[in-house]
PDB file of N, CA and C in Angstrom:
ATOM      1  N   MET A   1      97.029  -4.084  85.713  1.00  0.00           N
ATOM      2  CA  MET A   1      96.117  -3.744  87.063  1.00  0.00           C
ATOM      3  C   MET A   1      96.702  -4.537  87.960  1.00  0.00           C
ATOM      4  N   ALA A   2      97.072  -3.879  89.243  1.00  0.00           N
ATOM      5  CA  ALA A   2      97.758  -4.602  90.344  1.00  0.00           C
ATOM      6  C   ALA A   2      96.616  -5.746  90.710  1.00  0.00           C
ATOM      7  N   ASN A   3      97.316  -6.546  91.459  1.00  0.00           N
ATOM      8  CA  ASN A   3      96.679  -7.767  91.909  1.00  0.00           C
ATOM      9  C   ASN A   3      96.038  -7.567  92.881  1.00  0.00           C
ATOM     10  N   ARG A   4      94.778  -7.568  92.847  1.00  0.00           N
ATOM     11  CA  ARG A   4      93.601  -7.172  94.006  1.00  0.00           C
ATOM     12  C   ARG A   4      92.811  -8.097  94.336  1.00  0.00           C
ATOM     13  N   THR A   5      93.045  -8.652  95.447  1.00  0.00           N
ATOM     14  CA  THR A   5      92.155  -9.741  95.934  1.00  0.00           C
ATOM     15  C   THR A   5      91.287  -9.437  96.620  1.00  0.00           C
ATOM     16  N   SER A   6      89.898  -9.637  96.200  1.00  0.00           N
ATOM     17  CA  SER A   6      88.778  -9.561  97.327  1.00  0.00           C
ATOM     18  C   SER A   6      88.852 -10.039  98.428  1.00  0.00           C
ATOM     19  N   THR A   7      88.000  -9.487  99.515  1.00  0.00           N
ATOM     20  CA  THR A   7      88.018 -10.267 100.778  1.00  0.00           C
ATOM     21  C   THR A   7      86.592 -10.912 100.508  1.00  0.00           C
ATOM     22  N   GLN A   8      85.823 -10.750  99.633  1.00  0.00           N
ATOM     23  CA  GLN A   8      84.666 -11.510  99.476  1.00  0.00           C
ATOM     24  C   GLN A   8      84.417 -12.527  98.300  1.00  0.00           C
ATOM     25  N   ASN A   9      83.681 -13.649  98.565  1.00  0.00           N
ATOM     26  CA  ASN A   9      83.781 -14.419  97.518  1.00  0.00           C
ATOM     27  C   ASN A   9      82.554 -14.016  96.401  1.00  0.00           C
ATOM     28  N   LEU A  10      82.515 -14.682  95.312  1.00  0.00           N
ATOM     29  CA  LEU A  10      82.160 -14.010  93.952  1.00  0.00           C
ATOM     30  C   LEU A  10      80.393 -14.093  94.403  1.00  0.00           C
ATOM     31  N   ARG A  11      80.013 -14.987  95.102  1.00  0.00           N
ATOM     32  CA  ARG A  11      78.501 -15.176  95.418  1.00  0.00           C
ATOM     33  C   ARG A  11      78.326 -13.648  96.295  1.00  0.00           C
ATOM     34  N   LYS A  12      79.126 -13.318  97.549  1.00  0.00           N
ATOM     35  CA  LYS A  12      78.919 -12.418  98.160  1.00  0.00           C
ATOM     36  C   LYS A  12      79.013 -10.992  97.069  1.00  0.00           C
ATOM     37  N   ARG A  13      79.738 -10.811  96.364  1.00  0.00           N
ATOM     38  CA  ARG A  13      80.060  -9.897  95.322  1.00  0.00           C
ATOM     39  C   ARG A  13      78.933  -9.629  94.399  1.00  0.00           C
ATOM     40  N   VAL A  14      78.077 -10.702  93.905  1.00  0.00           N
ATOM     41  CA  VAL A  14      77.279 -10.616  93.003  1.00  0.00           C
ATOM     42  C   VAL A  14      76.064 -10.141  93.807  1.00  0.00           C
ATOM     43  N   ARG A  15      75.590 -10.805  94.995  1.00  0.00           N
ATOM     44  CA  ARG A  15      74.649 -10.476  96.039  1.00  0.00           C
ATOM     45  C   ARG A  15      74.801  -9.275  96.483  1.00  0.00           C
ATOM     46  N   ASN A  16      75.762  -8.255  96.309  1.00  0.00           N
ATOM     47  CA  ASN A  16      75.917  -7.120  96.706  1.00  0.00           C
ATOM     48  C   ASN A  16      75.502  -5.991  95.683  1.00  0.00           C
ATOM     49  N   HIS A  17      75.803  -6.604  94.671  1.00  0.00           N
ATOM     50  CA  HIS A  17      75.540  -5.776  93.043  1.00  0.00           C
ATOM     51  C   HIS A  17      73.680  -5.818  93.168  1.00  0.00           C
ATOM     52  N   TYR A  18      73.324  -6.973  93.137  1.00  0.00           N
ATOM     53  CA  TYR A  18      71.943  -7.091  93.153  1.00  0.00           C
ATOM     54  C   TYR A  18      71.288  -6.715  94.545  1.00  0.00           C
ATOM     55  N   ARG A  19      71.627  -6.780  95.332  1.00  0.00           N
ATOM     56  CA  ARG A  19      70.712  -6.447  96.761  1.00  0.00           C
ATOM     57  C   ARG A  19      71.347  -5.214  97.443  1.00  0.00           C
ATOM     58  N   GLY A  20      72.483  -4.873  97.337  1.00  0.00           N
ATOM     59  CA  GLY A  20      73.300  -3.586  98.049  1.00  0.00           C
ATOM     60  C   GLY A  20      72.525  -2.441  97.640  1.00  0.00           C
ATOM     61  N   ASN A  21      73.567  -1.491  97.619  1.00  0.00           N
ATOM     62  CA  ASN A  21      72.904   0.057  97.393  1.00  0.00           C
ATOM     63  C   ASN A  21      74.244   0.602  96.742  1.00  0.00           C
ATOM     64  N   ALA A  22      73.941   2.022  96.192  1.00  0.00           N
ATOM     65  CA  ALA A  22      75.000   2.615  95.537  1.00  0.00           C
ATOM     66  C   ALA A  22      76.303   3.035  96.186  1.00  0.00           C
ATOM     67  N   ALA A  23      76.268   2.906  97.847  1.00  0.00           N
ATOM     68  CA  ALA A  23      77.181   3.384  98.272  1.00  0.00           C
ATOM     69  C   ALA A  23      78.157   2.342  98.601  1.00  0.00           C
ATOM     70  N   SER A  24      77.749   0.955  98.220  1.00  0.00           N
ATOM     71  CA  SER A  24      78.735  -0.133  97.911  1.00  0.00           C
ATOM     72  C   SER A  24      78.684  -1.089  96.925  1.00  0.00           C
ATOM     73  N   SER A  25      78.083  -0.442  95.886  1.00  0.00           N
ATOM     74  CA  SER A  25      78.328  -1.096  94.666  1.00  0.00           C
ATOM     75  C   SER A  25      78.391   0.095  93.154  1.00  0.00           C
ATOM     76  N   THR A  26      79.695  -0.202  92.791  1.00  0.00           N
ATOM     77  CA  THR A  26      79.579   0.912  91.605  1.00  0.00           C
ATOM     78  C   THR A  26      79.104   0.599  90.708  1.00  0.00           C
ATOM     79  N   LEU A  27      78.492  -0.629  90.345  1.00  0.00           N
ATOM     80  CA  LEU A  27      77.775  -1.101  89.158  1.00  0.00           C
ATOM     81  C   LEU A  27      76.139  -0.373  89.509  1.00  0.00           C
ATOM     82  N   ARG A  28      75.980  -0.480  90.923  1.00  0.00           N
ATOM     83  CA  ARG A  28      74.629   0.250  91.392  1.00  0.00           C
ATOM     84  C   ARG A  28      74.723   1.745  91.003  1.00  0.00           C
ATOM     85  N   LEU A  29      75.506   2.370  91.445  1.00  0.00           N
ATOM     86  CA  LEU A  29      75.874   3.579  91.123  1.00  0.00           C
ATOM     87  C   LEU A  29      75.820   4.006  89.785  1.00  0.00           C
ATOM     88  N   THR A  30      76.445   3.182  88.714  1.00  0.00           N
ATOM     89  CA  THR A  30      76.605   3.821  87.383  1.00  0.00           C
ATOM     90  C   THR A  30      74.815   3.293  86.975  1.00  0.00           C
ATOM     91  N   LEU A  31      74.646   2.377  87.132  1.00  0.00           N
ATOM     92  CA  LEU A  31      72.938   2.050  86.715  1.00  0.00           C
ATOM     93  C   LEU A  31      72.161   2.865  87.397  1.00  0.00           C
ATOM     94  N   GLY A  32      72.062   3.474  88.276  1.00  0.00           N
ATOM     95  CA  GLY A  32      71.209   4.176  88.974  1.00  0.00           C
ATOM     96  C   GLY A  32      71.339   5.740  88.050  1.00  0.00           C
ATOM     97  N   CYS A  33      72.613   6.190  87.959  1.00  0.00           N
ATOM     98  CA  CYS A  33      72.843   7.295  87.374  1.00  0.00           C
ATOM     99  C   CYS A  33      72.371   7.507  85.789  1.00  0.00           C
ATOM    100  N   LEU A  34      72.572   6.363  85.047  1.00  0.00           N
ATOM    101  CA  LEU A  34      72.263   5.997  83.778  1.00  0.00           C
ATOM    102  C   LEU A  34      70.472   6.195  83.766  1.00  0.00           C
ATOM    103  N   LEU A  35      69.940   5.397  84.697  1.00  0.00           N
ATOM    104  CA  LEU A  35      68.537   5.450  84.881  1.00  0.00           C
ATOM    105  C   LEU A  35      67.877   6.658  85.472  1.00  0.00           C
ATOM    106  N   GLY A  36      68.623   7.606  85.656  1.00  0.00           N
ATOM    107  CA  GLY A  36      68.143   8.883  86.255  1.00  0.00           C
ATOM    108  C   GLY A  36      67.608   9.258  87.711  1.00  0.00           C
ATOM    109  N   LEU A  37      67.862   8.053  88.292  1.00  0.00           N
ATOM    110  CA  LEU A  37      67.583   8.084  89.623  1.00  0.00           C
ATOM    111  C   LEU A  37      68.254   9.184  90.519  1.00  0.00           C
ATOM    112  N   GLU A  38      67.931  10.069  91.566  1.00  0.00           N
ATOM    113  CA  GLU A  38      68.368  10.661  92.458  1.00  0.00           C
ATOM    114  C   GLU A  38      69.314  10.134  93.579  1.00  0.00           C
ATOM    115  N   LEU A  39      70.694  10.551  93.370  1.00  0.00           N
ATOM    116  CA  LEU A  39      71.397  10.144  94.486  1.00  0.00           C
ATOM    117  C   LEU A  39      71.359  11.131  95.826  1.00  0.00           C
ATOM    118  N   ARG A  40      71.332  10.521  97.044  1.00  0.00           N
ATOM    119  CA  ARG A  40      71.402  11.200  97.856  1.00  0.00           C
ATOM    120  C   ARG A  40      72.157  10.984  98.918  1.00  0.00           C
ATOM    121  N   ARG A  41      72.510  11.981  99.995  1.00  0.00           N
ATOM    122  CA  ARG A  41      73.506  11.570 101.000  1.00  0.00           C
ATOM    123  C   ARG A  41      72.422  10.778 101.936  1.00  0.00           C
ATOM    124  N   VAL A  42      72.717   9.556 102.995  1.00  0.00           N
ATOM    125  CA  VAL A  42      71.827   9.191 103.903  1.00  0.00           C
ATOM    126  C   VAL A  42      72.722   8.988 105.243  1.00  0.00           C
ATOM    127  N   GLY A  43      72.070   8.600 106.171  1.00  0.00           N
ATOM    128  CA  GLY A  43      72.596   8.561 107.552  1.00  0.00           C
ATOM    129  C   GLY A  43      73.251   9.667 107.936  1.00  0.00           C
ATOM    130  N   SER A  44      74.533   9.929 108.304  1.00  0.00           N
ATOM    131  CA  SER A  44      75.766  11.043 108.638  1.00  0.00           C
ATOM    132  C   SER A  44      75.648  11.657 107.589  1.00  0.00           C
ATOM    133  N   GLY A  45      75.451  11.195 106.399  1.00  0.00           N
ATOM    134  CA  GLY A  45      75.724  12.145 105.316  1.00  0.00           C
ATOM    135  C   GLY A  45      77.333  11.501 104.436  1.00  0.00           C
ATOM    136  N   GLN A  46      77.727  10.907 104.713  1.00  0.00           N
ATOM    137  CA  GLN A  46      79.030  10.251 104.315  1.00  0.00           C
ATOM    138  C   GLN A  46      78.458   9.366 103.190  1.00  0.00           C
ATOM    139  N   LYS A  47      77.623   8.486 103.222  1.00  0.00           N
ATOM    140  CA  LYS A  47      77.100   7.564 101.939  1.00  0.00           C
ATOM    141  C   LYS A  47      76.330   8.170 101.191  1.00  0.00           C
ATOM    142  N   MET A  48      76.154   7.717  99.947  1.00  0.00           N
ATOM    143  CA  MET A  48      75.483   8.170  99.056  1.00  0.00           C
ATOM    144  C   MET A  48      74.577   7.078  98.451  1.00  0.00           C
ATOM    145  N   THR A  49      73.259   7.016  98.563  1.00  0.00           N
ATOM    146  CA  THR A  49      72.433   5.936  97.670  1.00  0.00           C
ATOM    147  C   THR A  49      71.302   6.873  96.892  1.00  0.00           C
ATOM    148  N   PHE A  50      70.600   5.459  96.222  1.00  0.00           N
ATOM    149  CA  PHE A  50      69.415   6.129  95.906  1.00  0.00           C
ATOM    150  C   PHE A  50      67.915   6.427  96.886  1.00  0.00           C
ATOM    151  N   GLY A  51      68.444   6.186  97.979  1.00  0.00           N
ATOM    152  CA  GLY A  51      67.116   5.950  99.071  1.00  0.00           C
ATOM    153  C   GLY A  51      66.585   4.658  98.698  1.00  0.00           C
ATOM    154  N   LYS A  52      65.680   4.224  99.568  1.00  0.00           N
ATOM    155  CA  LYS A  52      65.083   3.071  99.680  1.00  0.00           C
ATOM    156  C   LYS A  52      63.991   2.820  98.297  1.00  0.00           C
ATOM    157  N   ALA A  53      63.088   4.183  97.863  1.00  0.00           N
ATOM    158  CA  ALA A  53      62.530   3.766  96.666  1.00  0.00           C
ATOM    159  C   ALA A  53      63.473   3.810  95.364  1.00  0.00           C
ATOM    160  N   GLY A  54      64.365   4.215  95.467  1.00  0.00           N
ATOM    161  CA  GLY A  54      65.383   4.660  94.414  1.00  0.00           C
ATOM    162  C   GLY A  54      66.190   3.060  94.280  1.00  0.00           C
ATOM    163  N   GLU A  55      66.756   2.863  95.136  1.00  0.00           N
ATOM    164  CA  GLU A  55      67.206   1.450  95.148  1.00  0.00           C
ATOM    165  C   GLU A  55      66.064   0.212  95.016  1.00  0.00           C
ATOM    166  N   ALA A  56      65.235   0.076  95.370  1.00  0.00           N
ATOM    167  CA  ALA A  56      64.081  -0.550  95.283  1.00  0.00           C
ATOM    168  C   ALA A  56      63.725  -0.922  93.795  1.00  0.00           C
ATOM    169  N   THR A  57      63.771   0.503  92.880  1.00  0.00           N
ATOM    170  CA  THR A  57      63.629   0.677  91.682  1.00  0.00           C
ATOM    171  C   THR A  57      64.468  -0.205  90.943  1.00  0.00           C
ATOM    172  N   LEU A  58      65.837   0.280  91.396  1.00  0.00           N
ATOM    173  CA  LEU A  58      67.092   0.049  90.723  1.00  0.00           C
ATOM    174  C   LEU A  58      67.210  -2.057  90.897  1.00  0.00           C
ATOM    175  N   SER A  59      66.888  -2.024  91.954  1.00  0.00           N
ATOM    176  CA  SER A  59      66.830  -3.713  92.317  1.00  0.00           C
ATOM    177  C   SER A  59      65.501  -4.633  91.388  1.00  0.00           C
ATOM    178  N   GLN A  60      64.689  -3.983  91.183  1.00  0.00           N
ATOM    179  CA  GLN A  60      63.776  -4.088  90.073  1.00  0.00           C
ATOM    180  C   GLN A  60      64.039  -4.425  88.731  1.00  0.00           C
ATOM    181  N   TRP A  61      64.409  -3.127  88.154  1.00  0.00           N
ATOM    182  CA  TRP A  61      65.220  -2.870  87.114  1.00  0.00           C
ATOM    183  C   TRP A  61      66.340  -4.194  86.850  1.00  0.00           C
ATOM    184  N   MET A  62      67.303  -4.499  87.883  1.00  0.00           N
ATOM    185  CA  MET A  62      68.237  -5.517  87.360  1.00  0.00           C
ATOM    186  C   MET A  62      67.902  -6.270  87.681  1.00  0.00           C
ATOM    187  N   ALA A  63      66.785  -6.948  88.027  1.00  0.00           N
ATOM    188  CA  ALA A  63      65.860  -8.296  88.178  1.00  0.00           C
ATOM    189  C   ALA A  63      65.607  -8.723  87.012  1.00  0.00           C
ATOM    190  N   ASP A  64      64.828  -7.591  86.202  1.00  0.00           N
ATOM    191  CA  ASP A  64      64.263  -7.887  84.766  1.00  0.00           C
ATOM    192  C   ASP A  64      65.395  -7.667  83.702  1.00  0.00           C
ATOM    193  N   ASN A  65      65.990  -7.298  83.980  1.00  0.00           N
ATOM    194  CA  ASN A  65      67.450  -6.592  82.396  1.00  0.00           C
ATOM    195  C   ASN A  65      68.539  -7.208  82.803  1.00  0.00           C
ATOM    196  N   ALA A  66      69.179  -7.160  84.121  1.00  0.00           N
ATOM    197  CA  ALA A  66      70.695  -7.682  84.363  1.00  0.00           C
ATOM    198  C   ALA A  66      70.928  -9.295  84.470  1.00  0.00           C
ATOM    199  N   ARG A  67      71.691  -9.580  83.932  1.00  0.00           N
ATOM    200  CA  ARG A  67      72.276 -11.329  84.264  1.00  0.00           C
ATOM    201  C   ARG A  67      73.864 -11.238  84.693  1.00  0.00           C
ATOM    202  N   VAL A  68      74.084 -12.350  85.084  1.00  0.00           N
ATOM    203  CA  VAL A  68      75.401 -12.423  85.428  1.00  0.00           C
ATOM    204  C   VAL A  68      75.903 -14.068  84.822  1.00  0.00           C
ATOM    205  N   CYS A  69      77.393 -14.105  84.391  1.00  0.00           N
ATOM    206  CA  CYS A  69      77.708 -15.279  84.208  1.00  0.00           C
ATOM    207  C   CYS A  69      79.003 -15.317  84.452  1.00  0.00           C
ATOM    208  N   TRP A  70      80.012 -15.885  84.722  1.00  0.00           N
ATOM    209  CA  TRP A  70      81.256 -15.975  85.049  1.00  0.00           C
ATOM    210  C   TRP A  70      82.001 -17.591  84.442  1.00  0.00           C
ATOM    211  N   ILE A  71      83.424 -17.409  84.651  1.00  0.00           N
ATOM    212  CA  ILE A  71      84.295 -18.659  84.092  1.00  0.00           C
ATOM    213  C   ILE A  71      84.888 -18.599  85.518  1.00  0.00           C
ATOM    214  N   GLU A  72      85.734 -19.839  85.618  1.00  0.00           N
ATOM    215  CA  GLU A  72      86.705 -19.886  86.619  1.00  0.00           C
ATOM    216  C   GLU A  72      87.999 -19.441  86.067  1.00  0.00           C
ATOM    217  N   GLN A  73      88.654 -18.740  87.109  1.00  0.00           N
ATOM    218  CA  GLN A  73      89.981 -18.149  86.140  1.00  0.00           C
ATOM    219  C   GLN A  73      91.124 -18.156  87.623  1.00  0.00           C
ATOM    220  N   ASN A  74      92.304 -18.919  87.466  1.00  0.00           N
ATOM    221  CA  ASN A  74      93.485 -18.614  88.317  1.00  0.00           C
ATOM    222  C   ASN A  74      93.758 -17.190  88.757  1.00  0.00           C
ATOM    223  N   GLU A  75      93.706 -16.579  87.675  1.00  0.00           N
ATOM    224  CA  GLU A  75      94.223 -14.998  87.723  1.00  0.00           C
ATOM    225  C   GLU A  75      93.327 -14.055  87.332  1.00  0.00           C
ATOM    226  N   PRO A  76      91.841 -13.819  87.891  1.00  0.00           N
ATOM    227  CA  PRO A  76      90.841 -13.266  87.154  1.00  0.00           C
ATOM    228  C   PRO A  76      91.347 -11.712  86.682  1.00  0.00           C
ATOM    229  N   TRP A  77      92.345 -11.413  87.120  1.00  0.00           N
ATOM    230  CA  TRP A  77      92.697  -9.730  87.042  1.00  0.00           C
ATOM    231  C   TRP A  77      93.382  -9.838  85.570  1.00  0.00           C
ATOM    232  N   THR A  78      93.962 -10.610  85.120  1.00  0.00           N
ATOM    233  CA  THR A  78      94.478 -10.809  83.669  1.00  0.00           C
ATOM    234  C   THR A  78      93.548 -10.808  82.684  1.00  0.00           C
ATOM    235  N   LEU A  79      92.416 -11.500  83.024  1.00  0.00           N
ATOM    236  CA  LEU A  79      91.281 -11.822  81.891  1.00  0.00           C
ATOM    237  C   LEU A  79      90.687 -10.910  81.930  1.00  0.00           C
ATOM    238  N   GLU A  80      90.458  -9.964  83.047  1.00  0.00           N
ATOM    239  CA  GLU A  80      89.732  -8.642  83.328  1.00  0.00           C
ATOM    240  C   GLU A  80      90.399  -7.678  82.849  1.00  0.00           C
ATOM    241  N   SER A  81      91.701  -7.319  82.680  1.00  0.00           N
ATOM    242  CA  SER A  81      92.333  -6.434  81.711  1.00  0.00           C
ATOM    243  C   SER A  81      92.505  -6.795  80.230  1.00  0.00           C
ATOM    244  N   GLN A  82      92.529  -8.063  79.884  1.00  0.00           N
ATOM    245  CA  GLN A  82      92.279  -8.417  78.487  1.00  0.00           C
ATOM    246  C   GLN A  82      91.027  -8.050  77.922  1.00  0.00           C
ATOM    247  N   LEU A  83      89.922  -8.590  78.500  1.00  0.00           N
ATOM    248  CA  LEU A  83      88.562  -7.917  78.030  1.00  0.00           C
ATOM    249  C   LEU A  83      88.168  -6.598  78.148  1.00  0.00           C
ATOM    250  N   ILE A  84      88.886  -5.898  79.047  1.00  0.00           N
ATOM    251  CA  ILE A  84      88.551  -4.459  78.985  1.00  0.00           C
ATOM    252  C   ILE A  84      88.752  -3.734  77.742  1.00  0.00           C
ATOM    253  N   SER A  85      90.276  -4.171  77.632  1.00  0.00           N
ATOM    254  CA  SER A  85      91.073  -3.469  76.631  1.00  0.00           C
ATOM    255  C   SER A  85      90.333  -4.010  75.037  1.00  0.00           C
ATOM    256  N   GLU A  86      89.975  -5.296  75.267  1.00  0.00           N
ATOM    257  CA  GLU A  86      89.838  -5.752  73.521  1.00  0.00           C
ATOM    258  C   GLU A  86      88.144  -5.977  73.111  1.00  0.00           C
ATOM    259  N   LEU A  87      86.989  -5.631  74.042  1.00  0.00           N
ATOM    260  CA  LEU A  87      85.947  -5.518  74.321  1.00  0.00           C
ATOM    261  C   LEU A  87      85.289  -3.855  74.389  1.00  0.00           C
ATOM    262  N   ASP A  88      84.178  -3.712  74.066  1.00  0.00           N
ATOM    263  CA  ASP A  88      83.409  -2.411  74.197  1.00  0.00           C
ATOM    264  C   ASP A  88      82.740  -2.687  75.432  1.00  0.00           C
ATOM    265  N   LEU A  89      83.028  -2.273  76.791  1.00  0.00           N
ATOM    266  CA  LEU A  89      82.497  -2.581  77.988  1.00  0.00           C
ATOM    267  C   LEU A  89      82.356  -0.867  78.575  1.00  0.00           C
ATOM    268  N   PRO A  90      81.295  -0.284  77.960  1.00  0.00           N
ATOM    269  CA  PRO A  90      81.101   1.042  78.523  1.00  0.00           C
ATOM    270  C   PRO A  90      80.879   1.408  79.922  1.00  0.00           C
ATOM    271  N   LEU A  91      80.389   0.340  80.908  1.00  0.00           N
ATOM    272  CA  LEU A  91      79.900   0.713  82.178  1.00  0.00           C
ATOM    273  C   LEU A  91      81.499   0.189  82.986  1.00  0.00           C
ATOM    274  N   ASN A  92      82.491  -0.146  82.686  1.00  0.00           N
ATOM    275  CA  ASN A  92      83.886  -0.037  83.303  1.00  0.00           C
ATOM    276  C   ASN A  92      84.433   1.414  83.119  1.00  0.00           C
ATOM    277  N   LEU A  93      84.764   1.522  84.399  1.00  0.00           N
ATOM    278  CA  LEU A  93      85.958   2.980  84.591  1.00  0.00           C
ATOM    279  C   LEU A  93      86.975   2.469  84.378  1.00  0.00           C
ATOM    280  N   ALA A  94      87.164   1.635  85.469  1.00  0.00           N
ATOM    281  CA  ALA A  94      88.612   1.105  85.877  1.00  0.00           C
ATOM    282  C   ALA A  94      89.299   0.762  84.303  1.00  0.00           C
ATOM    283  N   GLN A  95      90.481   1.044  84.254  1.00  0.00           N
ATOM    284  CA  GLN A  95      91.313   0.254  83.155  1.00  0.00           C
ATOM    285  C   GLN A  95      90.769   0.678  81.458  1.00  0.00           C
ATOM    286  N   ASN A  96      89.715   1.608  81.640  1.00  0.00           N
ATOM    287  CA  ASN A  96      88.921   1.647  80.416  1.00  0.00           C
ATOM    288  C   ASN A  96      88.796   3.189  79.589  1.00  0.00           C
ATOM    289  N   ARG A  97      89.956   4.101  80.026  1.00  0.00           N
ATOM    290  CA  ARG A  97      89.967   5.280  79.584  1.00  0.00           C
ATOM    291  C   ARG A  97      89.654   5.454  77.910  1.00  0.00           C
ATOM    292  N   HIS A  98      89.978   4.584  77.430  1.00  0.00           N
ATOM    293  CA  HIS A  98      90.047   4.377  75.843  1.00  0.00           C
ATOM    294  C   HIS A  98      88.662   4.053  75.275  1.00  0.00           C
ATOM    295  N   ASN A  99      87.345   3.647  76.470  1.00  0.00           N
ATOM    296  CA  ASN A  99      86.418   3.717  75.637  1.00  0.00           C
ATOM    297  C   ASN A  99      85.484   5.141  75.417  1.00  0.00           C
ATOM    298  N   ALA A 100      85.335   5.374  74.250  1.00  0.00           N
ATOM    299  CA  ALA A 100      84.387   6.448  74.118  1.00  0.00           C
ATOM    300  C   ALA A 100      83.466   6.928  74.980  1.00  0.00           C
ATOM    301  N   PHE A 101      82.748   5.980  75.999  1.00  0.00           N
ATOM    302  CA  PHE A 101      81.777   6.557  76.849  1.00  0.00           C
ATOM    303  C   PHE A 101      82.443   6.866  78.084  1.00  0.00           C
ATOM    304  N   HIS A 102      83.451   6.516  78.571  1.00  0.00           N
ATOM    305  CA  HIS A 102      84.302   6.622  79.906  1.00  0.00           C
ATOM    306  C   HIS A 102      84.082   8.259  80.604  1.00  0.00           C
ATOM    307  N   SER A 103      84.403   9.254  79.636  1.00  0.00           N
ATOM    308  CA  SER A 103      84.409  10.594  80.274  1.00  0.00           C
ATOM    309  C   SER A 103      82.766  11.244  80.446  1.00  0.00           C
ATOM    310  N   ARG A 104      82.050  10.337  79.671  1.00  0.00           N
ATOM    311  CA  ARG A 104      80.762  10.667  79.501  1.00  0.00           C
ATOM    312  C   ARG A 104      79.697  10.226  80.668  1.00  0.00           C
ATOM    313  N   LEU A 105      80.291   9.234  81.328  1.00  0.00           N
ATOM    314  CA  LEU A 105      79.999   8.036  82.523  1.00  0.00           C
ATOM    315  C   LEU A 105      80.509   8.750  83.503  1.00  0.00           C
ATOM    316  N   GLN A 106      81.874   9.174  83.593  1.00  0.00           N
ATOM    317  CA  GLN A 106      82.765   9.927  84.452  1.00  0.00           C
ATOM    318  C   GLN A 106      81.916  10.877  84.863  1.00  0.00           C
ATOM    319  N   GLU A 107      81.434  11.973  84.160  1.00  0.00           N
ATOM    320  CA  GLU A 107      81.129  13.149  84.368  1.00  0.00           C
ATOM    321  C   GLU A 107      79.376  12.892  85.071  1.00  0.00           C
ATOM    322  N   LEU A 108      78.857  11.946  84.438  1.00  0.00           N
ATOM    323  CA  LEU A 108      77.262  11.813  85.071  1.00  0.00           C
ATOM    324  C   LEU A 108      77.535  11.682  86.402  1.00  0.00           C
ATOM    325  N   ARG A 109      78.361  10.591  87.040  1.00  0.00           N
ATOM    326  CA  ARG A 109      78.268  10.128  88.184  1.00  0.00           C
ATOM    327  C   ARG A 109      78.919  11.246  89.059  1.00  0.00           C
ATOM    328  N   ALA A 110      79.659  12.177  88.394  1.00  0.00           N
ATOM    329  CA  ALA A 110      80.221  13.148  89.090  1.00  0.00           C
ATOM    330  C   ALA A 110      79.366  14.150  89.592  1.00  0.00           C
ATOM    331  N   ARG A 111      78.500  14.279  88.628  1.00  0.00           N
ATOM    332  CA  ARG A 111      77.374  15.426  88.541  1.00  0.00           C
ATOM    333  C   ARG A 111      76.277  15.021  89.960  1.00  0.00           C
ATOM    334  N   ALA A 112      75.938  13.541  89.631  1.00  0.00           N
ATOM    335  CA  ALA A 112      74.826  12.973  90.380  1.00  0.00           C
ATOM    336  C   ALA A 112      75.675  13.142  92.072  1.00  0.00           C
ATOM    337  N   ARG A 113      76.741  12.589  92.046  1.00  0.00           N
ATOM    338  CA  ARG A 113      77.209  13.057  93.637  1.00  0.00           C
ATOM    339  C   ARG A 113      77.303  14.612  94.151  1.00  0.00           C
ATOM    340  N   GLN A 114      77.921  15.120  93.145  1.00  0.00           N
ATOM    341  CA  GLN A 114      77.948  16.899  93.407  1.00  0.00           C
ATOM    342  C   GLN A 114      76.339  17.365  94.089  1.00  0.00           C
ATOM    343  N   ARG A 115      75.201  17.042  92.989  1.00  0.00           N
ATOM    344  CA  ARG A 115      73.804  17.257  93.404  1.00  0.00           C
ATOM    345  C   ARG A 115      73.715  16.510  94.605  1.00  0.00           C
ATOM    346  N   ALA A 116      73.892  15.316  94.761  1.00  0.00           N
ATOM    347  CA  ALA A 116      73.681  14.780  96.300  1.00  0.00           C
ATOM    348  C   ALA A 116      74.288  15.679  97.551  1.00  0.00           C
ATOM    349  N   ARG A 117      75.659  16.003  97.118  1.00  0.00           N
ATOM    350  CA  ARG A 117      76.061  17.079  98.281  1.00  0.00           C
ATOM    351  C   ARG A 117      75.420  18.359  98.609  1.00  0.00           C
ATOM    352  N   GLU A 118      74.286  18.717  97.591  1.00  0.00           N
ATOM    353  CA  GLU A 118      73.843  19.748  97.510  1.00  0.00           C
ATOM    354  C   GLU A 118      72.260  19.901  98.072  1.00  0.00           C
ATOM    355  N   LEU A 119      72.060  18.404  98.198  1.00  0.00           N
ATOM    356  CA  LEU A 119      70.715  18.303  98.674  1.00  0.00           C
ATOM    357  C   LEU A 119      70.626  18.003 100.581  1.00  0.00           C
ATOM    358  N   PRO A 120      69.809  18.260 101.172  1.00  0.00           N
ATOM    359  CA  PRO A 120      69.658  17.869 102.411  1.00  0.00           C
ATOM    360  C   PRO A 120      69.977  16.195 102.737  1.00  0.00           C
ATOM    361  N   ILE A 121      70.669  15.962 103.657  1.00  0.00           N
ATOM    362  CA  ILE A 121      70.587  14.199 103.987  1.00  0.00           C
ATOM    363  C   ILE A 121      69.005  13.652 104.223  1.00  0.00           C
ATOM    364  N   SER A 122      69.114  12.706 103.649  1.00  0.00           N
ATOM    365  CA  SER A 122      67.863  11.888 103.552  1.00  0.00           C
ATOM    366  C   SER A 122      67.931  10.903 104.660  1.00  0.00           C
ATOM    367  N   SER A 123      66.550  10.788 105.190  1.00  0.00           N
ATOM    368  CA  SER A 123      66.478   9.819 106.144  1.00  0.00           C
ATOM    369  C   SER A 123      66.544   8.391 106.107  1.00  0.00           C
TER     370      SER A 123
END
C-alpha cells in the first residue's frame, strides 16, 4: 500500500465513522449495507447516505455494538498491510481481495449504490 497520510487526526476520523454518514465513511457504508438499510441519493444527488432515519439507526447500532481501540505506530500503513494479510478482516476491501467475503461485500455495496441511483433523490 502506498503511504497515504490522512489530513484528519485519529479522533476526527473515528468521530466521522460514528457520527458521519455513508457518503463520508466507507465503514458506515459497509455496515449499513450489511444491516439492510436503504442507500439513497441526497442533496444534489451526488452523495449517497442512508437518510436521516437510516443514519440514526446505524449510529445507534454502532453505539451498541462497535468498539474502537488503537495503538501508536510511526508507519501505520505498514502495520495495516500486515494485519490485513494475516487476519480475517472481512469488512476491509482495500488490500483484501484474498478474503473469502471480499467479492460478496463488493457486490452488496455496488447493488446498494445501483439501487440508490434508480430511486428519486431524497430530501
